[in-house]
Amino acid sequence: RQFTHGAWHSHSPEWSPDGTELLFETNQDGVWELYRSPFSTWKPRR
């Protein structure tokens, strides 16, 4: 599965302890920030 698709970098995925979410960093907003998303539905939140 590929989760991010934009013309920017996203990396350093980390699993939540219960395995339901991924935490990652991305520069999609012009600066490197942290996002989290449910693994099953993939709806990132800054």
ModelCIF file with pLDDT and N, C-alpha, C, O atoms, coordinates in Angstrom:
data_MODEL
#
_entry.id   MODEL 
#
_entity.id                         1 
_entity.type                       polymer 
_entity.pdbx_number_of_molecules   1 
#
_entity_poly.entity_id                      1 
_entity_poly.type                           'polypeptide(L)' 
_entity_poly.nstd_linkage                   no 
_entity_poly.nstd_monomer                   no 
_entity_poly.pdbx_seq_one_letter_code       RQFTHGAWHSHSPEWSPDGTELLFETNQDGVWELYRSPFSTWKPRR 
_entity_poly.pdbx_seq_one_letter_code_can   RQFTHGAWHSHSPEWSPDGTELLFETNQDGVWELYRSPFSTWKPRR 
_entity_poly.pdbx_strand_id                 A 
#
loop_
_entity_poly_seq.entity_id 
_entity_poly_seq.num 
_entity_poly_seq.mon_id 
_entity_poly_seq.hetero 
1 1  ARG n 
1 2  GLN n 
1 3  PHE n 
1 4  THR n 
1 5  HIS n 
1 6  GLY n 
1 7  ALA n 
1 8  TRP n 
1 9  HIS n 
1 10 SER n 
1 11 HIS n 
1 12 SER n 
1 13 PRO n 
1 14 GLU n 
1 15 TRP n 
1 16 SER n 
1 17 PRO n 
1 18 ASP n 
1 19 GLY n 
1 20 THR n 
1 21 GLU n 
1 22 LEU n 
1 23 LEU n 
1 24 PHE n 
1 25 GLU n 
1 26 THR n 
1 27 ASN n 
1 28 GLN n 
1 29 ASP n 
1 30 GLY n 
1 31 VAL n 
1 32 TRP n 
1 33 GLU n 
1 34 LEU n 
1 35 TYR n 
1 36 ARG n 
1 37 SER n 
1 38 PRO n 
1 39 PHE n 
1 40 SER n 
1 41 THR n 
1 42 TRP n 
1 43 LYS n 
1 44 PRO n 
1 45 ARG n 
1 46 ARG n 
#
_struct_asym.id          A 
_struct_asym.entity_id   1 
#
loop_
_ma_qa_metric.id 
_ma_qa_metric.mode 
_ma_qa_metric.name 
_ma_qa_metric.software_group_id 
_ma_qa_metric.type 
1 global pLDDT . pLDDT 
2 local  pLDDT . pLDDT 
#
_ma_qa_metric_global.metric_id      1 
_ma_qa_metric_global.metric_value   91.33 
_ma_qa_metric_global.model_id       1 
_ma_qa_metric_global.ordinal_id     1 
#
loop_
_ma_qa_metric_local.label_asym_id 
_ma_qa_metric_local.label_comp_id 
_ma_qa_metric_local.label_seq_id 
_ma_qa_metric_local.metric_id 
_ma_qa_metric_local.metric_value 
_ma_qa_metric_local.model_id 
_ma_qa_metric_local.ordinal_id 
A ARG 1  2 93.00 1 1  
A GLN 2  2 94.00 1 2  
A PHE 3  2 94.00 1 3  
A THR 4  2 93.00 1 4  
A HIS 5  2 91.00 1 5  
A GLY 6  2 89.00 1 6  
A ALA 7  2 93.00 1 7  
A TRP 8  2 92.00 1 8  
A HIS 9  2 94.00 1 9  
A SER 10 2 93.00 1 10 
A HIS 11 2 89.00 1 11 
A SER 12 2 89.00 1 12 
A PRO 13 2 93.00 1 13 
A GLU 14 2 92.00 1 14 
A TRP 15 2 94.00 1 15 
A SER 16 2 92.00 1 16 
A PRO 17 2 92.00 1 17 
A ASP 18 2 93.00 1 18 
A GLY 19 2 94.00 1 19 
A THR 20 2 94.00 1 20 
A GLU 21 2 93.00 1 21 
A LEU 22 2 94.00 1 22 
A LEU 23 2 92.00 1 23 
A PHE 24 2 93.00 1 24 
A GLU 25 2 91.00 1 25 
A THR 26 2 92.00 1 26 
A ASN 27 2 90.00 1 27 
A GLN 28 2 87.00 1 28 
A ASP 29 2 82.00 1 29 
A GLY 30 2 85.00 1 30 
A VAL 31 2 86.00 1 31 
A TRP 32 2 88.00 1 32 
A GLU 33 2 90.00 1 33 
A LEU 34 2 88.00 1 34 
A TYR 35 2 90.00 1 35 
A ARG 36 2 91.00 1 36 
A SER 37 2 93.00 1 37 
A PRO 38 2 94.00 1 38 
A PHE 39 2 94.00 1 39 
A SER 40 2 92.00 1 40 
A THR 41 2 92.00 1 41 
A TRP 42 2 92.00 1 42 
A LYS 43 2 92.00 1 43 
A PRO 44 2 92.00 1 44 
A ARG 45 2 91.00 1 45 
A ARG 46 2 89.00 1 46 
#
loop_
_atom_site.group_PDB 
_atom_site.id 
_atom_site.type_symbol 
_atom_site.label_atom_id 
_atom_site.label_alt_id 
_atom_site.label_comp_id 
_atom_site.label_asym_id 
_atom_site.label_entity_id 
_atom_site.label_seq_id 
_atom_site.pdbx_PDB_ins_code 
_atom_site.Cartn_x 
_atom_site.Cartn_y 
_atom_site.Cartn_z 
_atom_site.occupancy 
_atom_site.B_iso_or_equiv 
_atom_site.pdbx_formal_charge 
_atom_site.auth_seq_id 
_atom_site.auth_comp_id 
_atom_site.auth_asym_id 
_atom_site.auth_atom_id 
_atom_site.pdbx_PDB_model_num 
ATOM 1   N N  . ARG A 1 1  ? 0.831  -1.198 0.000  1.00 93.00 ? 1  ARG A N  1 
ATOM 2   C CA . ARG A 1 1  ? 0.000  0.000  0.000  1.00 93.00 ? 1  ARG A CA 1 
ATOM 3   C C  . ARG A 1 1  ? 0.868  1.251  0.000  1.00 93.00 ? 1  ARG A C  1 
ATOM 4   O O  . ARG A 1 1  ? 1.886  1.319  0.689  1.00 93.00 ? 1  ARG A O  1 
ATOM 5   N N  . GLN A 1 2  ? 0.447  2.241  -0.786 1.00 94.00 ? 2  GLN A N  1 
ATOM 6   C CA . GLN A 1 2  ? 1.063  3.559  -0.765 1.00 94.00 ? 2  GLN A CA 1 
ATOM 7   C C  . GLN A 1 2  ? 0.030  4.528  -0.228 1.00 94.00 ? 2  GLN A C  1 
ATOM 8   O O  . GLN A 1 2  ? -1.085 4.606  -0.743 1.00 94.00 ? 2  GLN A O  1 
ATOM 9   N N  . PHE A 1 3  ? 0.402  5.271  0.811  1.00 94.00 ? 3  PHE A N  1 
ATOM 10  C CA . PHE A 1 3  ? -0.562 6.117  1.497  1.00 94.00 ? 3  PHE A CA 1 
ATOM 11  C C  . PHE A 1 3  ? -0.476 7.585  1.112  1.00 94.00 ? 3  PHE A C  1 
ATOM 12  O O  . PHE A 1 3  ? -1.510 8.237  0.965  1.00 94.00 ? 3  PHE A O  1 
ATOM 13  N N  . THR A 1 4  ? 0.712  8.118  0.947  1.00 93.00 ? 4  THR A N  1 
ATOM 14  C CA . THR A 1 4  ? 0.846  9.517  0.557  1.00 93.00 ? 4  THR A CA 1 
ATOM 15  C C  . THR A 1 4  ? 1.158  9.588  -0.929 1.00 93.00 ? 4  THR A C  1 
ATOM 16  O O  . THR A 1 4  ? 1.836  8.714  -1.471 1.00 93.00 ? 4  THR A O  1 
ATOM 17  N N  . HIS A 1 5  ? 0.662  10.632 -1.586 1.00 91.00 ? 5  HIS A N  1 
ATOM 18  C CA . HIS A 1 5  ? 0.747  10.696 -3.047 1.00 91.00 ? 5  HIS A CA 1 
ATOM 19  C C  . HIS A 1 5  ? 1.091  12.076 -3.576 1.00 91.00 ? 5  HIS A C  1 
ATOM 20  O O  . HIS A 1 5  ? 1.140  12.259 -4.792 1.00 91.00 ? 5  HIS A O  1 
ATOM 21  N N  . GLY A 1 6  ? 1.329  13.044 -2.723 1.00 89.00 ? 6  GLY A N  1 
ATOM 22  C CA . GLY A 1 6  ? 1.503  14.404 -3.199 1.00 89.00 ? 6  GLY A CA 1 
ATOM 23  C C  . GLY A 1 6  ? 2.899  14.692 -3.722 1.00 89.00 ? 6  GLY A C  1 
ATOM 24  O O  . GLY A 1 6  ? 3.799  13.860 -3.609 1.00 89.00 ? 6  GLY A O  1 
ATOM 25  N N  . ALA A 1 7  ? 3.076  15.879 -4.297 1.00 93.00 ? 7  ALA A N  1 
ATOM 26  C CA . ALA A 1 7  ? 4.369  16.352 -4.794 1.00 93.00 ? 7  ALA A CA 1 
ATOM 27  C C  . ALA A 1 7  ? 5.135  17.004 -3.648 1.00 93.00 ? 7  ALA A C  1 
ATOM 28  O O  . ALA A 1 7  ? 5.486  18.183 -3.690 1.00 93.00 ? 7  ALA A O  1 
ATOM 29  N N  . TRP A 1 8  ? 5.379  16.191 -2.623 1.00 92.00 ? 8  TRP A N  1 
ATOM 30  C CA . TRP A 1 8  ? 6.136  16.600 -1.448 1.00 92.00 ? 8  TRP A CA 1 
ATOM 31  C C  . TRP A 1 8  ? 6.648  15.332 -0.776 1.00 92.00 ? 8  TRP A C  1 
ATOM 32  O O  . TRP A 1 8  ? 6.256  14.224 -1.141 1.00 92.00 ? 8  TRP A O  1 
ATOM 33  N N  . HIS A 1 9  ? 7.516  15.501 0.197  1.00 94.00 ? 9  HIS A N  1 
ATOM 34  C CA . HIS A 1 9  ? 8.102  14.351 0.884  1.00 94.00 ? 9  HIS A CA 1 
ATOM 35  C C  . HIS A 1 9  ? 7.298  14.001 2.133  1.00 94.00 ? 9  HIS A C  1 
ATOM 36  O O  . HIS A 1 9  ? 6.824  14.885 2.847  1.00 94.00 ? 9  HIS A O  1 
ATOM 37  N N  . SER A 1 10 ? 7.151  12.705 2.386  1.00 93.00 ? 10 SER A N  1 
ATOM 38  C CA . SER A 1 10 ? 6.540  12.185 3.618  1.00 93.00 ? 10 SER A CA 1 
ATOM 39  C C  . SER A 1 10 ? 7.350  10.973 4.043  1.00 93.00 ? 10 SER A C  1 
ATOM 40  O O  . SER A 1 10 ? 7.608  10.087 3.229  1.00 93.00 ? 10 SER A O  1 
ATOM 41  N N  . HIS A 1 11 ? 7.750  10.922 5.295  1.00 89.00 ? 11 HIS A N  1 
ATOM 42  C CA . HIS A 1 11 ? 8.573  9.784  5.729  1.00 89.00 ? 11 HIS A CA 1 
ATOM 43  C C  . HIS A 1 11 ? 8.519  9.596  7.242  1.00 89.00 ? 11 HIS A C  1 
ATOM 44  O O  . HIS A 1 11 ? 7.717  10.228 7.930  1.00 89.00 ? 11 HIS A O  1 
ATOM 45  N N  . SER A 1 12 ? 9.383  8.718  7.748  1.00 89.00 ? 12 SER A N  1 
ATOM 46  C CA . SER A 1 12 ? 9.496  8.398  9.179  1.00 89.00 ? 12 SER A CA 1 
ATOM 47  C C  . SER A 1 12 ? 8.193  7.901  9.780  1.00 89.00 ? 12 SER A C  1 
ATOM 48  O O  . SER A 1 12 ? 7.782  8.406  10.825 1.00 89.00 ? 12 SER A O  1 
ATOM 49  N N  . PRO A 1 13 ? 7.517  6.918  9.154  1.00 93.00 ? 13 PRO A N  1 
ATOM 50  C CA . PRO A 1 13 ? 6.269  6.414  9.752  1.00 93.00 ? 13 PRO A CA 1 
ATOM 51  C C  . PRO A 1 13 ? 6.531  5.669  11.056 1.00 93.00 ? 13 PRO A C  1 
ATOM 52  O O  . PRO A 1 13 ? 7.489  4.904  11.164 1.00 93.00 ? 13 PRO A O  1 
ATOM 53  N N  . GLU A 1 14 ? 5.677  5.898  12.034 1.00 92.00 ? 14 GLU A N  1 
ATOM 54  C CA . GLU A 1 14 ? 5.758  5.236  13.335 1.00 92.00 ? 14 GLU A CA 1 
ATOM 55  C C  . GLU A 1 14 ? 4.372  4.727  13.715 1.00 92.00 ? 14 GLU A C  1 
ATOM 56  O O  . GLU A 1 14 ? 3.389  5.461  13.611 1.00 92.00 ? 14 GLU A O  1 
ATOM 57  N N  . TRP A 1 15 ? 4.292  3.476  14.154 1.00 94.00 ? 15 TRP A N  1 
ATOM 58  C CA . TRP A 1 15 ? 3.021  2.873  14.550 1.00 94.00 ? 15 TRP A CA 1 
ATOM 59  C C  . TRP A 1 15 ? 2.613  3.316  15.943 1.00 94.00 ? 15 TRP A C  1 
ATOM 60  O O  . TRP A 1 15 ? 3.455  3.482  16.826 1.00 94.00 ? 15 TRP A O  1 
ATOM 61  N N  . SER A 1 16 ? 1.332  3.503  16.130 1.00 92.00 ? 16 SER A N  1 
ATOM 62  C CA . SER A 1 16 ? 0.823  3.709  17.477 1.00 92.00 ? 16 SER A CA 1 
ATOM 63  C C  . SER A 1 16 ? 0.950  2.397  18.253 1.00 92.00 ? 16 SER A C  1 
ATOM 64  O O  . SER A 1 16 ? 1.000  1.331  17.640 1.00 92.00 ? 16 SER A O  1 
ATOM 65  N N  . PRO A 1 17 ? 1.002  2.449  19.573 1.00 92.00 ? 17 PRO A N  1 
ATOM 66  C CA . PRO A 1 17 ? 1.161  1.225  20.358 1.00 92.00 ? 17 PRO A CA 1 
ATOM 67  C C  . PRO A 1 17 ? 0.086  0.174  20.091 1.00 92.00 ? 17 PRO A C  1 
ATOM 68  O O  . PRO A 1 17 ? 0.354  -1.021 20.215 1.00 92.00 ? 17 PRO A O  1 
ATOM 69  N N  . ASP A 1 18 ? -1.132 0.601  19.724 1.00 93.00 ? 18 ASP A N  1 
ATOM 70  C CA . ASP A 1 18 ? -2.184 -0.375 19.452 1.00 93.00 ? 18 ASP A CA 1 
ATOM 71  C C  . ASP A 1 18 ? -2.258 -0.767 17.975 1.00 93.00 ? 18 ASP A C  1 
ATOM 72  O O  . ASP A 1 18 ? -3.096 -1.581 17.588 1.00 93.00 ? 18 ASP A O  1 
ATOM 73  N N  . GLY A 1 19 ? -1.378 -0.186 17.148 1.00 94.00 ? 19 GLY A N  1 
ATOM 74  C CA . GLY A 1 19 ? -1.306 -0.570 15.746 1.00 94.00 ? 19 GLY A CA 1 
ATOM 75  C C  . GLY A 1 19 ? -2.397 -0.024 14.853 1.00 94.00 ? 19 GLY A C  1 
ATOM 76  O O  . GLY A 1 19 ? -2.513 -0.448 13.703 1.00 94.00 ? 19 GLY A O  1 
ATOM 77  N N  . THR A 1 20 ? -3.201 0.902  15.343 1.00 94.00 ? 20 THR A N  1 
ATOM 78  C CA . THR A 1 20 ? -4.321 1.412  14.544 1.00 94.00 ? 20 THR A CA 1 
ATOM 79  C C  . THR A 1 20 ? -3.986 2.685  13.789 1.00 94.00 ? 20 THR A C  1 
ATOM 80  O O  . THR A 1 20 ? -4.741 3.081  12.901 1.00 94.00 ? 20 THR A O  1 
ATOM 81  N N  . GLU A 1 21 ? -2.865 3.347  14.118 1.00 93.00 ? 21 GLU A N  1 
ATOM 82  C CA . GLU A 1 21 ? -2.522 4.616  13.493 1.00 93.00 ? 21 GLU A CA 1 
ATOM 83  C C  . GLU A 1 21 ? -1.054 4.662  13.106 1.00 93.00 ? 21 GLU A C  1 
ATOM 84  O O  . GLU A 1 21 ? -0.223 3.921  13.630 1.00 93.00 ? 21 GLU A O  1 
ATOM 85  N N  . LEU A 1 22 ? -0.765 5.560  12.169 1.00 94.00 ? 22 LEU A N  1 
ATOM 86  C CA . LEU A 1 22 ? 0.611  5.882  11.821 1.00 94.00 ? 22 LEU A CA 1 
ATOM 87  C C  . LEU A 1 22 ? 0.856  7.364  12.064 1.00 94.00 ? 22 LEU A C  1 
ATOM 88  O O  . LEU A 1 22 ? 0.019  8.213  11.757 1.00 94.00 ? 22 LEU A O  1 
ATOM 89  N N  . LEU A 1 23 ? 2.010  7.644  12.615 1.00 92.00 ? 23 LEU A N  1 
ATOM 90  C CA . LEU A 1 23 ? 2.484  9.006  12.806 1.00 92.00 ? 23 LEU A CA 1 
ATOM 91  C C  . LEU A 1 23 ? 3.637  9.197  11.826 1.00 92.00 ? 23 LEU A C  1 
ATOM 92  O O  . LEU A 1 23 ? 4.485  8.315  11.696 1.00 92.00 ? 23 LEU A O  1 
ATOM 93  N N  . PHE A 1 24 ? 3.681  10.333 11.137 1.00 93.00 ? 24 PHE A N  1 
ATOM 94  C CA . PHE A 1 24 ? 4.754  10.548 10.165 1.00 93.00 ? 24 PHE A CA 1 
ATOM 95  C C  . PHE A 1 24 ? 5.029  12.036 10.030 1.00 93.00 ? 24 PHE A C  1 
ATOM 96  O O  . PHE A 1 24 ? 4.269  12.866 10.528 1.00 93.00 ? 24 PHE A O  1 
ATOM 97  N N  . GLU A 1 25 ? 6.126  12.368 9.350  1.00 91.00 ? 25 GLU A N  1 
ATOM 98  C CA . GLU A 1 25 ? 6.433  13.767 9.102  1.00 91.00 ? 25 GLU A CA 1 
ATOM 99  C C  . GLU A 1 25 ? 6.374  14.045 7.612  1.00 91.00 ? 25 GLU A C  1 
ATOM 100 O O  . GLU A 1 25 ? 6.682  13.178 6.794  1.00 91.00 ? 25 GLU A O  1 
ATOM 101 N N  . THR A 1 26 ? 5.975  15.266 7.266  1.00 92.00 ? 26 THR A N  1 
ATOM 102 C CA . THR A 1 26 ? 5.820  15.644 5.868  1.00 92.00 ? 26 THR A CA 1 
ATOM 103 C C  . THR A 1 26 ? 6.041  17.144 5.718  1.00 92.00 ? 26 THR A C  1 
ATOM 104 O O  . THR A 1 26 ? 5.834  17.916 6.655  1.00 92.00 ? 26 THR A O  1 
ATOM 105 N N  . ASN A 1 27 ? 6.467  17.543 4.516  1.00 90.00 ? 27 ASN A N  1 
ATOM 106 C CA . ASN A 1 27 ? 6.623  18.968 4.238  1.00 90.00 ? 27 ASN A CA 1 
ATOM 107 C C  . ASN A 1 27 ? 5.561  19.459 3.257  1.00 90.00 ? 27 ASN A C  1 
ATOM 108 O O  . ASN A 1 27 ? 5.794  20.408 2.509  1.00 90.00 ? 27 ASN A O  1 
ATOM 109 N N  . GLN A 1 28 ? 4.400  18.814 3.263  1.00 87.00 ? 28 GLN A N  1 
ATOM 110 C CA . GLN A 1 28 ? 3.359  19.162 2.305  1.00 87.00 ? 28 GLN A CA 1 
ATOM 111 C C  . GLN A 1 28 ? 2.814  20.576 2.491  1.00 87.00 ? 28 GLN A C  1 
ATOM 112 O O  . GLN A 1 28 ? 2.209  21.128 1.572  1.00 87.00 ? 28 GLN A O  1 
ATOM 113 N N  . ASP A 1 29 ? 3.017  21.167 3.660  1.00 82.00 ? 29 ASP A N  1 
ATOM 114 C CA . ASP A 1 29 ? 2.559  22.529 3.911  1.00 82.00 ? 29 ASP A CA 1 
ATOM 115 C C  . ASP A 1 29 ? 3.698  23.541 3.844  1.00 82.00 ? 29 ASP A C  1 
ATOM 116 O O  . ASP A 1 29 ? 3.562  24.670 4.315  1.00 82.00 ? 29 ASP A O  1 
ATOM 117 N N  . GLY A 1 30 ? 4.824  23.130 3.256  1.00 85.00 ? 30 GLY A N  1 
ATOM 118 C CA . GLY A 1 30 ? 5.947  24.038 3.068  1.00 85.00 ? 30 GLY A CA 1 
ATOM 119 C C  . GLY A 1 30 ? 6.975  24.005 4.176  1.00 85.00 ? 30 GLY A C  1 
ATOM 120 O O  . GLY A 1 30 ? 8.053  24.582 4.032  1.00 85.00 ? 30 GLY A O  1 
ATOM 121 N N  . VAL A 1 31 ? 6.666  23.340 5.285  1.00 86.00 ? 31 VAL A N  1 
ATOM 122 C CA . VAL A 1 31 ? 7.606  23.167 6.388  1.00 86.00 ? 31 VAL A CA 1 
ATOM 123 C C  . VAL A 1 31 ? 7.354  21.795 6.986  1.00 86.00 ? 31 VAL A C  1 
ATOM 124 O O  . VAL A 1 31 ? 6.232  21.291 6.931  1.00 86.00 ? 31 VAL A O  1 
ATOM 125 N N  . TRP A 1 32 ? 8.386  21.184 7.556  1.00 88.00 ? 32 TRP A N  1 
ATOM 126 C CA . TRP A 1 32 ? 8.236  19.828 8.092  1.00 88.00 ? 32 TRP A CA 1 
ATOM 127 C C  . TRP A 1 32 ? 7.382  19.846 9.351  1.00 88.00 ? 32 TRP A C  1 
ATOM 128 O O  . TRP A 1 32 ? 7.707  20.515 10.333 1.00 88.00 ? 32 TRP A O  1 
ATOM 129 N N  . GLU A 1 33 ? 6.283  19.099 9.304  1.00 90.00 ? 33 GLU A N  1 
ATOM 130 C CA . GLU A 1 33 ? 5.377  18.995 10.436 1.00 90.00 ? 33 GLU A CA 1 
ATOM 131 C C  . GLU A 1 33 ? 4.962  17.539 10.629 1.00 90.00 ? 33 GLU A C  1 
ATOM 132 O O  . GLU A 1 33 ? 5.193  16.692 9.766  1.00 90.00 ? 33 GLU A O  1 
ATOM 133 N N  . LEU A 1 34 ? 4.341  17.262 11.789 1.00 88.00 ? 34 LEU A N  1 
ATOM 134 C CA . LEU A 1 34 ? 3.881  15.909 12.101 1.00 88.00 ? 34 LEU A CA 1 
ATOM 135 C C  . LEU A 1 34 ? 2.413  15.749 11.760 1.00 88.00 ? 34 LEU A C  1 
ATOM 136 O O  . LEU A 1 34 ? 1.608  16.657 11.968 1.00 88.00 ? 34 LEU A O  1 
ATOM 137 N N  . TYR A 1 35 ? 2.074  14.584 11.233 1.00 90.00 ? 35 TYR A N  1 
ATOM 138 C CA . TYR A 1 35 ? 0.693  14.210 10.943 1.00 90.00 ? 35 TYR A CA 1 
ATOM 139 C C  . TYR A 1 35 ? 0.437  12.826 11.538 1.00 90.00 ? 35 TYR A C  1 
ATOM 140 O O  . TYR A 1 35 ? 1.364  12.045 11.753 1.00 90.00 ? 35 TYR A O  1 
ATOM 141 N N  . ARG A 1 36 ? -0.830 12.543 11.797 1.00 91.00 ? 36 ARG A N  1 
ATOM 142 C CA . ARG A 1 36 ? -1.229 11.202 12.218 1.00 91.00 ? 36 ARG A CA 1 
ATOM 143 C C  . ARG A 1 36 ? -2.427 10.783 11.374 1.00 91.00 ? 36 ARG A C  1 
ATOM 144 O O  . ARG A 1 36 ? -3.184 11.626 10.891 1.00 91.00 ? 36 ARG A O  1 
ATOM 145 N N  . SER A 1 37 ? -2.591 9.465  11.199 1.00 93.00 ? 37 SER A N  1 
ATOM 146 C CA . SER A 1 37 ? -3.736 8.978  10.429 1.00 93.00 ? 37 SER A CA 1 
ATOM 147 C C  . SER A 1 37 ? -4.082 7.560  10.854 1.00 93.00 ? 37 SER A C  1 
ATOM 148 O O  . SER A 1 37 ? -3.194 6.773  11.181 1.00 93.00 ? 37 SER A O  1 
ATOM 149 N N  . PRO A 1 38 ? -5.370 7.229  10.850 1.00 94.00 ? 38 PRO A N  1 
ATOM 150 C CA . PRO A 1 38 ? -5.749 5.816  11.009 1.00 94.00 ? 38 PRO A CA 1 
ATOM 151 C C  . PRO A 1 38 ? -5.138 4.999  9.869  1.00 94.00 ? 38 PRO A C  1 
ATOM 152 O O  . PRO A 1 38 ? -5.119 5.446  8.722  1.00 94.00 ? 38 PRO A O  1 
ATOM 153 N N  . PHE A 1 39 ? -4.654 3.833  10.178 1.00 94.00 ? 39 PHE A N  1 
ATOM 154 C CA . PHE A 1 39 ? -4.045 2.982  9.164  1.00 94.00 ? 39 PHE A CA 1 
ATOM 155 C C  . PHE A 1 39 ? -5.076 2.444  8.183  1.00 94.00 ? 39 PHE A C  1 
ATOM 156 O O  . PHE A 1 39 ? -4.793 2.334  6.991  1.00 94.00 ? 39 PHE A O  1 
ATOM 157 N N  . SER A 1 40 ? -6.254 2.111  8.660  1.00 92.00 ? 40 SER A N  1 
ATOM 158 C CA . SER A 1 40 ? -7.238 1.433  7.821  1.00 92.00 ? 40 SER A CA 1 
ATOM 159 C C  . SER A 1 40 ? -7.954 2.371  6.859  1.00 92.00 ? 40 SER A C  1 
ATOM 160 O O  . SER A 1 40 ? -8.333 1.946  5.767  1.00 92.00 ? 40 SER A O  1 
ATOM 161 N N  . THR A 1 41 ? -8.151 3.623  7.226  1.00 92.00 ? 41 THR A N  1 
ATOM 162 C CA . THR A 1 41 ? -8.916 4.535  6.378  1.00 92.00 ? 41 THR A CA 1 
ATOM 163 C C  . THR A 1 41 ? -8.076 5.662  5.789  1.00 92.00 ? 41 THR A C  1 
ATOM 164 O O  . THR A 1 41 ? -8.480 6.268  4.796  1.00 92.00 ? 41 THR A O  1 
ATOM 165 N N  . TRP A 1 42 ? -6.944 5.951  6.362  1.00 92.00 ? 42 TRP A N  1 
ATOM 166 C CA . TRP A 1 42 ? -5.983 6.975  5.924  1.00 92.00 ? 42 TRP A CA 1 
ATOM 167 C C  . TRP A 1 42 ? -6.646 8.332  5.702  1.00 92.00 ? 42 TRP A C  1 
ATOM 168 O O  . TRP A 1 42 ? -6.982 8.722  4.583  1.00 92.00 ? 42 TRP A O  1 
ATOM 169 N N  . LYS A 1 43 ? -6.815 9.027  6.818  1.00 92.00 ? 43 LYS A N  1 
ATOM 170 C CA . LYS A 1 43 ? -7.312 10.396 6.817  1.00 92.00 ? 43 LYS A CA 1 
ATOM 171 C C  . LYS A 1 43 ? -6.379 11.224 7.695  1.00 92.00 ? 43 LYS A C  1 
ATOM 172 O O  . LYS A 1 43 ? -6.651 11.414 8.880  1.00 92.00 ? 43 LYS A O  1 
ATOM 173 N N  . PRO A 1 44 ? -5.271 11.722 7.118  1.00 92.00 ? 44 PRO A N  1 
ATOM 174 C CA . PRO A 1 44 ? -4.250 12.411 7.916  1.00 92.00 ? 44 PRO A CA 1 
ATOM 175 C C  . PRO A 1 44 ? -4.761 13.676 8.577  1.00 92.00 ? 44 PRO A C  1 
ATOM 176 O O  . PRO A 1 44 ? -5.579 14.413 8.026  1.00 92.00 ? 44 PRO A O  1 
ATOM 177 N N  . ARG A 1 45 ? -4.254 13.900 9.773  1.00 91.00 ? 45 ARG A N  1 
ATOM 178 C CA . ARG A 1 45 ? -4.583 15.110 10.522 1.00 91.00 ? 45 ARG A CA 1 
ATOM 179 C C  . ARG A 1 45 ? -3.294 15.742 11.033 1.00 91.00 ? 45 ARG A C  1 
ATOM 180 O O  . ARG A 1 45 ? -2.450 15.061 11.615 1.00 91.00 ? 45 ARG A O  1 
ATOM 181 N N  . ARG A 1 46 ? -3.148 17.024 10.818 1.00 89.00 ? 46 ARG A N  1 
ATOM 182 C CA . ARG A 1 46 ? -1.923 17.729 11.204 1.00 89.00 ? 46 ARG A CA 1 
ATOM 183 C C  . ARG A 1 46 ? -1.849 17.888 12.717 1.00 89.00 ? 46 ARG A C  1 
ATOM 184 O O  . ARG A 1 46 ? -0.887 18.459 13.231 1.00 89.00 ? 46 ARG A O  1 
#
